[in-house]
Amino acid sequence: MAKAKLINPFTGRWRIVSMSAWDDYLDEEEPAFIEFGAKSGGEFHFGNVHGIMDSRVTTQDGQPAVE
């Protein structure tokens, strides 16, 4: 039996408002964010750091989660 595909409730750009080690540096170049694609992957930016990521939607304790 095929595994059901999960709809990604996290799709879109999310504002990072706090990071314990980076609070003074967070919005150095632009407002800090993490962005999830509709299927998988995404990107993030904080301070002068920009990167891409591999992510998957899953469930944890019956709730949507991202790995």
N, C-alpha and C. Protein backbone atom coordinates (compact mmCIF):
# COMPACT_ATOMS: atom_id res chain seq x y z
N MET A 1 0.83 -1.17 0.00
CA MET A 1 0.00 0.00 0.00
C MET A 1 0.89 1.25 0.00
N ALA A 2 0.54 2.24 -0.82
CA ALA A 2 1.33 3.46 -0.91
C ALA A 2 1.10 4.35 0.31
N LYS A 3 2.15 5.01 0.74
CA LYS A 3 2.07 5.93 1.87
C LYS A 3 1.36 7.21 1.42
N ALA A 4 0.42 7.69 2.20
CA ALA A 4 -0.32 8.91 1.87
C ALA A 4 0.62 10.11 1.93
N LYS A 5 0.49 11.00 0.95
CA LYS A 5 1.30 12.22 0.94
C LYS A 5 0.69 13.23 1.89
N LEU A 6 1.54 13.89 2.64
CA LEU A 6 1.09 14.89 3.59
C LEU A 6 1.10 16.27 2.93
N ILE A 7 0.10 17.07 3.21
CA ILE A 7 0.08 18.46 2.78
C ILE A 7 0.99 19.23 3.72
N ASN A 8 1.80 20.11 3.16
CA ASN A 8 2.76 20.85 3.97
C ASN A 8 2.12 22.11 4.55
N PRO A 9 1.74 22.09 5.83
CA PRO A 9 1.15 23.27 6.44
C PRO A 9 2.18 24.37 6.76
N PHE A 10 3.46 24.07 6.53
CA PHE A 10 4.53 25.01 6.83
C PHE A 10 5.00 25.79 5.60
N THR A 11 4.44 25.49 4.42
CA THR A 11 4.85 26.15 3.18
C THR A 11 4.81 27.66 3.33
N GLY A 12 5.88 28.29 2.87
CA GLY A 12 5.95 29.75 2.90
C GLY A 12 7.11 30.25 3.73
N ARG A 13 7.20 31.56 3.83
CA ARG A 13 8.29 32.21 4.56
C ARG A 13 7.82 32.54 5.97
N TRP A 14 8.64 32.15 6.93
CA TRP A 14 8.36 32.38 8.34
C TRP A 14 9.44 33.31 8.89
N ARG A 15 9.04 34.29 9.63
CA ARG A 15 9.96 35.26 10.22
C ARG A 15 10.63 34.64 11.45
N ILE A 16 11.94 34.73 11.53
CA ILE A 16 12.67 34.32 12.73
C ILE A 16 12.73 35.55 13.62
N VAL A 17 12.15 35.46 14.81
CA VAL A 17 12.10 36.62 15.69
C VAL A 17 13.08 36.54 16.85
N SER A 18 13.62 35.36 17.11
CA SER A 18 14.55 35.23 18.22
C SER A 18 15.45 34.02 18.02
N MET A 19 16.73 34.21 18.34
CA MET A 19 17.71 33.13 18.36
C MET A 19 18.64 33.46 19.52
N SER A 20 18.71 32.59 20.51
CA SER A 20 19.44 32.91 21.73
C SER A 20 20.88 33.35 21.50
N ALA A 21 21.55 32.76 20.55
CA ALA A 21 22.96 33.10 20.33
C ALA A 21 23.15 34.24 19.32
N TRP A 22 22.10 34.65 18.62
CA TRP A 22 22.25 35.58 17.51
C TRP A 22 21.34 36.81 17.59
N ASP A 23 20.68 37.06 18.71
CA ASP A 23 19.68 38.14 18.77
C ASP A 23 20.19 39.49 18.27
N ASP A 24 21.40 39.90 18.63
CA ASP A 24 21.92 41.21 18.20
C ASP A 24 22.29 41.23 16.72
N TYR A 25 22.41 40.08 16.12
CA TYR A 25 22.94 39.89 14.77
C TYR A 25 21.84 39.46 13.79
N LEU A 26 20.69 39.10 14.30
CA LEU A 26 19.64 38.42 13.56
C LEU A 26 19.27 39.09 12.24
N ASP A 27 19.01 40.39 12.24
CA ASP A 27 18.53 41.10 11.05
C ASP A 27 19.61 41.97 10.40
N GLU A 28 20.85 41.53 10.46
CA GLU A 28 21.99 42.31 9.96
C GLU A 28 21.80 42.76 8.51
N GLU A 29 21.45 41.85 7.60
CA GLU A 29 21.30 42.19 6.17
C GLU A 29 19.85 42.41 5.77
N GLU A 30 18.97 41.63 6.33
CA GLU A 30 17.55 41.68 6.01
C GLU A 30 16.80 40.98 7.14
N PRO A 31 15.47 41.12 7.20
CA PRO A 31 14.75 40.41 8.26
C PRO A 31 15.01 38.90 8.18
N ALA A 32 15.35 38.30 9.30
CA ALA A 32 15.68 36.86 9.35
C ALA A 32 14.44 36.03 9.02
N PHE A 33 14.66 34.92 8.30
CA PHE A 33 13.53 34.06 7.91
C PHE A 33 13.98 32.62 7.72
N ILE A 34 12.98 31.75 7.69
CA ILE A 34 13.14 30.37 7.25
C ILE A 34 11.97 30.13 6.30
N GLU A 35 12.24 29.52 5.16
CA GLU A 35 11.20 29.33 4.15
C GLU A 35 11.14 27.87 3.73
N PHE A 36 9.94 27.32 3.74
CA PHE A 36 9.72 25.93 3.35
C PHE A 36 9.01 25.89 2.01
N GLY A 37 9.51 25.02 1.10
CA GLY A 37 8.85 24.80 -0.18
C GLY A 37 7.62 23.92 -0.01
N ALA A 38 6.77 23.87 -1.02
CA ALA A 38 5.54 23.09 -0.95
C ALA A 38 5.80 21.59 -0.86
N LYS A 39 6.87 21.10 -1.51
CA LYS A 39 7.15 19.67 -1.50
C LYS A 39 8.26 19.32 -0.53
N SER A 40 9.40 19.92 -0.70
CA SER A 40 10.54 19.69 0.20
C SER A 40 11.54 20.81 -0.01
N GLY A 41 12.46 20.89 0.89
CA GLY A 41 13.51 21.89 0.77
C GLY A 41 13.07 23.26 1.21
N GLY A 42 14.01 24.18 1.12
CA GLY A 42 13.75 25.55 1.49
C GLY A 42 15.04 26.30 1.68
N GLU A 43 14.95 27.46 2.32
CA GLU A 43 16.13 28.26 2.58
C GLU A 43 15.94 29.04 3.87
N PHE A 44 17.03 29.63 4.34
CA PHE A 44 16.99 30.43 5.54
C PHE A 44 18.00 31.56 5.42
N HIS A 45 17.78 32.61 6.20
CA HIS A 45 18.72 33.72 6.23
C HIS A 45 18.63 34.39 7.59
N PHE A 46 19.77 34.60 8.20
CA PHE A 46 19.87 35.39 9.43
C PHE A 46 21.26 35.98 9.49
N GLY A 47 21.37 37.21 10.00
CA GLY A 47 22.66 37.87 10.04
C GLY A 47 23.22 38.00 8.64
N ASN A 48 24.41 37.45 8.42
CA ASN A 48 25.03 37.38 7.10
C ASN A 48 25.08 35.95 6.59
N VAL A 49 24.24 35.09 7.15
CA VAL A 49 24.23 33.67 6.81
C VAL A 49 23.01 33.36 5.96
N HIS A 50 23.25 32.73 4.82
CA HIS A 50 22.16 32.30 3.94
C HIS A 50 22.44 30.85 3.55
N GLY A 51 21.41 30.04 3.56
CA GLY A 51 21.62 28.64 3.20
C GLY A 51 20.36 28.00 2.66
N ILE A 52 20.56 26.84 2.05
CA ILE A 52 19.44 26.03 1.57
C ILE A 52 19.36 24.79 2.44
N MET A 53 18.21 24.18 2.48
CA MET A 53 18.05 23.01 3.34
C MET A 53 17.17 21.98 2.65
N ASP A 54 17.32 20.77 3.08
CA ASP A 54 16.49 19.66 2.65
C ASP A 54 15.52 19.39 3.80
N SER A 55 14.24 19.41 3.53
CA SER A 55 13.27 19.17 4.60
C SER A 55 12.13 18.29 4.08
N ARG A 56 11.49 17.60 4.98
CA ARG A 56 10.37 16.72 4.66
C ARG A 56 9.28 16.92 5.70
N VAL A 57 8.03 16.89 5.25
CA VAL A 57 6.89 16.95 6.17
C VAL A 57 6.64 15.56 6.71
N THR A 58 6.39 15.46 7.99
CA THR A 58 6.11 14.20 8.64
C THR A 58 5.09 14.47 9.75
N THR A 59 4.84 13.50 10.56
CA THR A 59 3.98 13.71 11.74
C THR A 59 4.76 13.30 12.98
N GLN A 60 4.45 13.97 14.07
CA GLN A 60 5.06 13.65 15.35
C GLN A 60 3.96 13.78 16.40
N ASP A 61 3.69 12.70 17.09
CA ASP A 61 2.60 12.68 18.07
C ASP A 61 1.26 13.07 17.43
N GLY A 62 1.09 12.66 16.18
CA GLY A 62 -0.16 12.93 15.46
C GLY A 62 -0.29 14.33 14.90
N GLN A 63 0.76 15.15 15.03
CA GLN A 63 0.73 16.53 14.55
C GLN A 63 1.74 16.71 13.41
N PRO A 64 1.47 17.63 12.46
CA PRO A 64 2.44 17.90 11.39
C PRO A 64 3.76 18.37 11.97
N ALA A 65 4.85 17.94 11.36
CA ALA A 65 6.19 18.34 11.78
C ALA A 65 7.09 18.38 10.56
N VAL A 66 8.23 19.02 10.68
CA VAL A 66 9.22 19.11 9.61
C VAL A 66 10.50 18.45 10.10
N GLU A 67 11.11 17.64 9.26
CA GLU A 67 12.42 17.04 9.55
C GLU A 67 13.43 17.59 8.59
